[in-house]
Amino acid sequence: MVKDMAFIAYSVSDVPRATAFYRDVIGLTPGQSFGDHWVEFNVGATAFGIGDGTPLGFMPGQSTGAAFEVEDITGMRERLVQQGVAVSDVHPFPNCSACFVTDPEGNRFALHQLKSQA
């Protein structure tokens, strides 16, 4: 029986560079670290991990699926654009808005903001 989400993993070839991007540019809070092999970030109750997954068959630059909840998607997107990060326009959906970001390795993830339930 599945009881929880253990972590989300993205494969990267340069762990220190990816660590700096997710910590300093995206603003994730560092969690456990195992040197230049594997670094985790605390995102709510789940860990977002980065490491070189090539030996396991996970190629850097091909990870997708993570979505980080933000409070101000427009402001976050603008901050990333100003830093030269590849980020899509904000797309409106019935219950949320999202934009899609590409990290320095080519991995993609979403920034997500739920609409007010007022």
N, C-alpha and C. Protein backbone atom coordinates (compact mmCIF):
# COMPACT_ATOMS: atom_id res chain seq x y z
N MET A 1 0.84 -1.18 0.00
CA MET A 1 0.00 0.00 0.00
C MET A 1 0.89 1.25 0.00
N VAL A 2 0.62 2.17 -0.89
CA VAL A 2 1.34 3.44 -0.92
C VAL A 2 0.81 4.32 0.20
N LYS A 3 1.73 4.87 1.01
CA LYS A 3 1.28 5.68 2.13
C LYS A 3 1.65 7.16 2.02
N ASP A 4 2.57 7.52 1.11
CA ASP A 4 2.98 8.91 1.00
C ASP A 4 3.86 9.05 -0.23
N MET A 5 4.18 10.29 -0.60
CA MET A 5 5.14 10.56 -1.66
C MET A 5 6.49 10.73 -1.00
N ALA A 6 7.45 9.88 -1.33
CA ALA A 6 8.77 9.93 -0.71
C ALA A 6 9.58 11.13 -1.21
N PHE A 7 9.66 11.28 -2.53
CA PHE A 7 10.39 12.40 -3.12
C PHE A 7 10.10 12.44 -4.62
N ILE A 8 10.47 13.56 -5.22
CA ILE A 8 10.46 13.72 -6.67
C ILE A 8 11.92 13.90 -7.05
N ALA A 9 12.39 13.18 -8.07
CA ALA A 9 13.80 13.25 -8.46
C ALA A 9 13.95 13.75 -9.89
N TYR A 10 14.90 14.67 -10.07
CA TYR A 10 15.26 15.16 -11.40
C TYR A 10 16.72 14.81 -11.63
N SER A 11 17.01 14.31 -12.82
CA SER A 11 18.38 13.96 -13.18
C SER A 11 19.10 15.17 -13.75
N VAL A 12 20.31 15.43 -13.23
CA VAL A 12 21.15 16.53 -13.70
C VAL A 12 22.58 16.02 -13.84
N SER A 13 23.34 16.60 -14.73
CA SER A 13 24.74 16.19 -14.89
C SER A 13 25.67 17.00 -14.00
N ASP A 14 25.27 18.21 -13.61
CA ASP A 14 26.10 19.09 -12.80
C ASP A 14 25.32 19.44 -11.53
N VAL A 15 25.48 18.64 -10.50
CA VAL A 15 24.72 18.82 -9.26
C VAL A 15 25.00 20.16 -8.59
N PRO A 16 26.26 20.62 -8.48
CA PRO A 16 26.47 21.94 -7.86
C PRO A 16 25.78 23.08 -8.62
N ARG A 17 25.84 23.07 -9.95
CA ARG A 17 25.18 24.11 -10.73
C ARG A 17 23.67 24.05 -10.55
N ALA A 18 23.10 22.84 -10.59
CA ALA A 18 21.66 22.68 -10.41
C ALA A 18 21.25 23.07 -8.98
N THR A 19 22.08 22.75 -8.01
CA THR A 19 21.80 23.14 -6.62
C THR A 19 21.70 24.66 -6.51
N ALA A 20 22.65 25.36 -7.10
CA ALA A 20 22.63 26.82 -7.06
C ALA A 20 21.38 27.36 -7.75
N PHE A 21 20.98 26.78 -8.88
CA PHE A 21 19.79 27.24 -9.59
C PHE A 21 18.54 27.06 -8.73
N TYR A 22 18.31 25.87 -8.22
CA TYR A 22 17.09 25.62 -7.45
C TYR A 22 17.08 26.35 -6.11
N ARG A 23 18.24 26.54 -5.50
CA ARG A 23 18.33 27.26 -4.22
C ARG A 23 18.28 28.77 -4.43
N ASP A 24 19.16 29.29 -5.29
CA ASP A 24 19.35 30.74 -5.41
C ASP A 24 18.40 31.42 -6.39
N VAL A 25 18.03 30.74 -7.45
CA VAL A 25 17.15 31.35 -8.46
C VAL A 25 15.69 31.03 -8.17
N ILE A 26 15.37 29.76 -7.95
CA ILE A 26 13.99 29.36 -7.70
C ILE A 26 13.60 29.62 -6.25
N GLY A 27 14.55 29.53 -5.33
CA GLY A 27 14.27 29.84 -3.92
C GLY A 27 13.87 28.66 -3.07
N LEU A 28 14.21 27.43 -3.50
CA LEU A 28 13.88 26.25 -2.69
C LEU A 28 14.79 26.17 -1.47
N THR A 29 14.26 25.60 -0.40
CA THR A 29 15.00 25.44 0.85
C THR A 29 15.78 24.13 0.83
N PRO A 30 17.12 24.19 0.97
CA PRO A 30 17.91 22.96 0.97
C PRO A 30 17.52 22.04 2.12
N GLY A 31 17.57 20.75 1.84
CA GLY A 31 17.32 19.71 2.83
C GLY A 31 18.57 18.87 2.97
N GLN A 32 18.41 17.55 2.91
CA GLN A 32 19.56 16.65 3.02
C GLN A 32 20.44 16.77 1.79
N SER A 33 21.74 16.57 2.00
CA SER A 33 22.70 16.62 0.91
C SER A 33 23.71 15.51 1.07
N PHE A 34 24.05 14.89 -0.04
CA PHE A 34 25.06 13.84 -0.04
C PHE A 34 26.16 14.24 -1.02
N GLY A 35 26.79 15.38 -0.72
CA GLY A 35 27.88 15.90 -1.54
C GLY A 35 27.41 16.30 -2.92
N ASP A 36 28.25 16.03 -3.89
CA ASP A 36 27.92 16.36 -5.27
C ASP A 36 27.14 15.26 -5.97
N HIS A 37 26.66 14.28 -5.20
CA HIS A 37 25.94 13.15 -5.78
C HIS A 37 24.42 13.36 -5.76
N TRP A 38 23.90 13.85 -4.64
CA TRP A 38 22.44 13.96 -4.46
C TRP A 38 22.14 15.08 -3.47
N VAL A 39 21.25 15.99 -3.85
CA VAL A 39 20.85 17.09 -2.99
C VAL A 39 19.33 17.14 -2.98
N GLU A 40 18.75 17.31 -1.80
CA GLU A 40 17.31 17.42 -1.67
C GLU A 40 16.93 18.82 -1.21
N PHE A 41 15.72 19.23 -1.60
CA PHE A 41 15.14 20.49 -1.16
C PHE A 41 13.82 20.17 -0.48
N ASN A 42 13.51 20.89 0.59
CA ASN A 42 12.25 20.69 1.32
C ASN A 42 11.16 21.51 0.65
N VAL A 43 10.15 20.83 0.14
CA VAL A 43 9.02 21.49 -0.51
C VAL A 43 7.76 20.94 0.15
N GLY A 44 7.25 21.68 1.15
CA GLY A 44 6.12 21.16 1.91
C GLY A 44 6.52 19.86 2.59
N ALA A 45 5.70 18.84 2.46
CA ALA A 45 5.98 17.54 3.08
C ALA A 45 6.77 16.62 2.17
N THR A 46 7.14 17.10 0.99
CA THR A 46 7.83 16.27 0.00
C THR A 46 9.23 16.81 -0.26
N ALA A 47 10.14 15.92 -0.58
CA ALA A 47 11.49 16.32 -0.96
C ALA A 47 11.58 16.35 -2.48
N PHE A 48 12.24 17.38 -3.00
CA PHE A 48 12.57 17.47 -4.42
C PHE A 48 14.07 17.25 -4.50
N GLY A 49 14.48 16.18 -5.17
CA GLY A 49 15.89 15.82 -5.21
C GLY A 49 16.49 15.95 -6.59
N ILE A 50 17.78 16.29 -6.63
CA ILE A 50 18.52 16.35 -7.87
C ILE A 50 19.79 15.53 -7.73
N GLY A 51 20.13 14.83 -8.79
CA GLY A 51 21.34 14.03 -8.81
C GLY A 51 21.54 13.47 -10.20
N ASP A 52 22.71 12.92 -10.45
CA ASP A 52 22.99 12.33 -11.76
C ASP A 52 22.38 10.94 -11.81
N GLY A 53 21.25 10.83 -12.50
CA GLY A 53 20.55 9.56 -12.61
C GLY A 53 20.98 8.71 -13.78
N THR A 54 22.02 9.15 -14.51
CA THR A 54 22.47 8.43 -15.69
C THR A 54 22.74 6.94 -15.42
N PRO A 55 23.45 6.59 -14.34
CA PRO A 55 23.70 5.16 -14.09
C PRO A 55 22.42 4.33 -13.91
N LEU A 56 21.32 5.01 -13.56
CA LEU A 56 20.04 4.32 -13.36
C LEU A 56 19.14 4.41 -14.59
N GLY A 57 19.65 5.04 -15.66
CA GLY A 57 18.87 5.16 -16.89
C GLY A 57 18.04 6.42 -16.99
N PHE A 58 18.23 7.37 -16.08
CA PHE A 58 17.50 8.64 -16.11
C PHE A 58 18.44 9.72 -16.65
N MET A 59 18.17 10.19 -17.85
CA MET A 59 19.06 11.11 -18.51
C MET A 59 18.81 12.55 -18.08
N PRO A 60 19.86 13.31 -17.79
CA PRO A 60 19.71 14.72 -17.46
C PRO A 60 19.00 15.48 -18.59
N GLY A 61 18.19 16.44 -18.21
CA GLY A 61 17.50 17.27 -19.18
C GLY A 61 16.20 16.69 -19.69
N GLN A 62 15.78 15.55 -19.18
CA GLN A 62 14.55 14.92 -19.65
C GLN A 62 13.49 14.80 -18.56
N SER A 63 13.75 15.35 -17.39
CA SER A 63 12.79 15.25 -16.30
C SER A 63 11.69 16.29 -16.46
N THR A 64 10.48 15.89 -16.14
CA THR A 64 9.32 16.79 -16.15
C THR A 64 8.37 16.33 -15.05
N GLY A 65 7.39 17.12 -14.76
CA GLY A 65 6.33 16.67 -13.86
C GLY A 65 6.23 17.40 -12.54
N ALA A 66 7.31 17.98 -12.05
CA ALA A 66 7.21 18.70 -10.78
C ALA A 66 6.44 20.00 -10.99
N ALA A 67 5.62 20.35 -10.01
CA ALA A 67 4.90 21.62 -10.04
C ALA A 67 5.02 22.24 -8.65
N PHE A 68 5.60 23.43 -8.59
CA PHE A 68 5.81 24.12 -7.33
C PHE A 68 4.73 25.17 -7.14
N GLU A 69 4.04 25.10 -6.01
CA GLU A 69 2.98 26.06 -5.70
C GLU A 69 3.61 27.38 -5.27
N VAL A 70 3.14 28.49 -5.85
CA VAL A 70 3.65 29.82 -5.51
C VAL A 70 2.50 30.74 -5.15
N GLU A 71 2.80 31.82 -4.45
CA GLU A 71 1.76 32.78 -4.05
C GLU A 71 1.51 33.84 -5.11
N ASP A 72 2.53 34.18 -5.89
CA ASP A 72 2.42 35.25 -6.89
C ASP A 72 3.09 34.78 -8.18
N ILE A 73 2.36 34.07 -9.00
CA ILE A 73 2.94 33.48 -10.20
C ILE A 73 3.45 34.54 -11.17
N THR A 74 2.73 35.65 -11.30
CA THR A 74 3.15 36.71 -12.21
C THR A 74 4.46 37.33 -11.75
N GLY A 75 4.57 37.62 -10.46
CA GLY A 75 5.79 38.18 -9.90
C GLY A 75 6.96 37.23 -10.00
N MET A 76 6.72 35.95 -9.70
CA MET A 76 7.78 34.94 -9.78
C MET A 76 8.26 34.80 -11.22
N ARG A 77 7.33 34.75 -12.16
CA ARG A 77 7.70 34.62 -13.57
C ARG A 77 8.55 35.82 -13.99
N GLU A 78 8.14 37.01 -13.62
CA GLU A 78 8.88 38.21 -14.00
C GLU A 78 10.29 38.20 -13.43
N ARG A 79 10.43 37.77 -12.18
CA ARG A 79 11.75 37.68 -11.55
C ARG A 79 12.65 36.71 -12.31
N LEU A 80 12.10 35.58 -12.74
CA LEU A 80 12.88 34.59 -13.49
C LEU A 80 13.27 35.13 -14.87
N VAL A 81 12.34 35.78 -15.55
CA VAL A 81 12.62 36.37 -16.86
C VAL A 81 13.77 37.37 -16.73
N GLN A 82 13.75 38.20 -15.70
CA GLN A 82 14.81 39.20 -15.48
C GLN A 82 16.16 38.56 -15.25
N GLN A 83 16.16 37.31 -14.77
CA GLN A 83 17.41 36.58 -14.54
C GLN A 83 17.83 35.74 -15.74
N GLY A 84 17.06 35.84 -16.83
CA GLY A 84 17.42 35.12 -18.05
C GLY A 84 17.00 33.66 -18.07
N VAL A 85 16.09 33.28 -17.19
CA VAL A 85 15.61 31.90 -17.13
C VAL A 85 14.54 31.70 -18.21
N ALA A 86 14.58 30.56 -18.88
CA ALA A 86 13.57 30.23 -19.89
C ALA A 86 12.27 29.87 -19.17
N VAL A 87 11.23 30.69 -19.40
CA VAL A 87 9.94 30.48 -18.73
C VAL A 87 8.83 30.88 -19.70
N SER A 88 7.78 30.08 -19.74
CA SER A 88 6.66 30.35 -20.64
C SER A 88 5.79 31.48 -20.11
N ASP A 89 4.85 31.89 -20.93
CA ASP A 89 3.82 32.80 -20.46
C ASP A 89 3.00 32.10 -19.39
N VAL A 90 2.25 32.86 -18.62
CA VAL A 90 1.34 32.29 -17.63
C VAL A 90 0.08 31.85 -18.37
N HIS A 91 -0.31 30.61 -18.15
CA HIS A 91 -1.50 30.03 -18.78
C HIS A 91 -2.63 29.96 -17.75
N PRO A 92 -3.79 30.54 -18.05
CA PRO A 92 -4.91 30.46 -17.12
C PRO A 92 -5.70 29.16 -17.33
N PHE A 93 -6.07 28.53 -16.25
CA PHE A 93 -6.91 27.34 -16.27
C PHE A 93 -8.11 27.62 -15.36
N PRO A 94 -9.16 26.81 -15.40
CA PRO A 94 -10.35 27.10 -14.60
C PRO A 94 -10.09 27.32 -13.11
N ASN A 95 -9.19 26.54 -12.51
CA ASN A 95 -8.97 26.65 -11.06
C ASN A 95 -7.56 27.12 -10.68
N CYS A 96 -6.74 27.44 -11.68
CA CYS A 96 -5.35 27.79 -11.38
C CYS A 96 -4.72 28.52 -12.56
N SER A 97 -3.49 28.94 -12.34
CA SER A 97 -2.63 29.47 -13.40
C SER A 97 -1.30 28.74 -13.30
N ALA A 98 -0.63 28.58 -14.44
CA ALA A 98 0.65 27.89 -14.44
C ALA A 98 1.55 28.46 -15.53
N CYS A 99 2.85 28.41 -15.28
CA CYS A 99 3.83 28.67 -16.31
C CYS A 99 4.90 27.59 -16.19
N PHE A 100 5.67 27.43 -17.24
CA PHE A 100 6.60 26.31 -17.31
C PHE A 100 8.02 26.82 -17.48
N VAL A 101 8.90 26.31 -16.62
CA VAL A 101 10.27 26.78 -16.51
C VAL A 101 11.22 25.68 -16.97
N THR A 102 12.31 26.08 -17.63
CA THR A 102 13.35 25.14 -18.02
C THR A 102 14.61 25.45 -17.21
N ASP A 103 15.14 24.42 -16.53
CA ASP A 103 16.35 24.63 -15.73
C ASP A 103 17.59 24.60 -16.64
N PRO A 104 18.78 24.89 -16.11
CA PRO A 104 19.98 24.93 -16.95
C PRO A 104 20.33 23.61 -17.64
N GLU A 105 19.78 22.50 -17.15
CA GLU A 105 20.04 21.19 -17.75
C GLU A 105 19.04 20.84 -18.84
N GLY A 106 17.94 21.61 -18.93
CA GLY A 106 16.89 21.30 -19.90
C GLY A 106 15.68 20.62 -19.30
N ASN A 107 15.72 20.32 -17.99
CA ASN A 107 14.56 19.76 -17.30
C ASN A 107 13.48 20.83 -17.21
N ARG A 108 12.21 20.40 -17.24
CA ARG A 108 11.10 21.36 -17.15
C ARG A 108 10.26 21.09 -15.91
N PHE A 109 9.75 22.17 -15.33
CA PHE A 109 8.82 22.07 -14.21
C PHE A 109 7.83 23.21 -14.30
N ALA A 110 6.76 23.12 -13.52
CA ALA A 110 5.73 24.15 -13.53
C ALA A 110 5.79 24.97 -12.26
N LEU A 111 5.43 26.24 -12.41
CA LEU A 111 5.07 27.08 -11.28
C LEU A 111 3.56 27.15 -11.32
N HIS A 112 2.91 26.98 -10.20
CA HIS A 112 1.46 26.80 -10.14
C HIS A 112 0.87 27.70 -9.07
N GLN A 113 -0.25 28.32 -9.36
CA GLN A 113 -0.95 29.12 -8.35
C GLN A 113 -2.43 28.83 -8.43
N LEU A 114 -2.98 28.30 -7.34
CA LEU A 114 -4.41 28.07 -7.27
C LEU A 114 -5.13 29.40 -7.25
N LYS A 115 -6.31 29.44 -7.89
CA LYS A 115 -7.13 30.64 -7.85
C LYS A 115 -7.84 30.70 -6.51
N SER A 116 -8.15 31.90 -6.07
CA SER A 116 -8.86 32.12 -4.81
C SER A 116 -10.20 31.40 -4.85
N GLN A 117 -10.54 30.76 -3.77
CA GLN A 117 -11.81 30.04 -3.67
C GLN A 117 -12.85 30.88 -2.95
N ALA A 118 -12.81 32.19 -3.14
CA ALA A 118 -13.72 33.11 -2.44
C ALA A 118 -15.15 32.97 -2.91
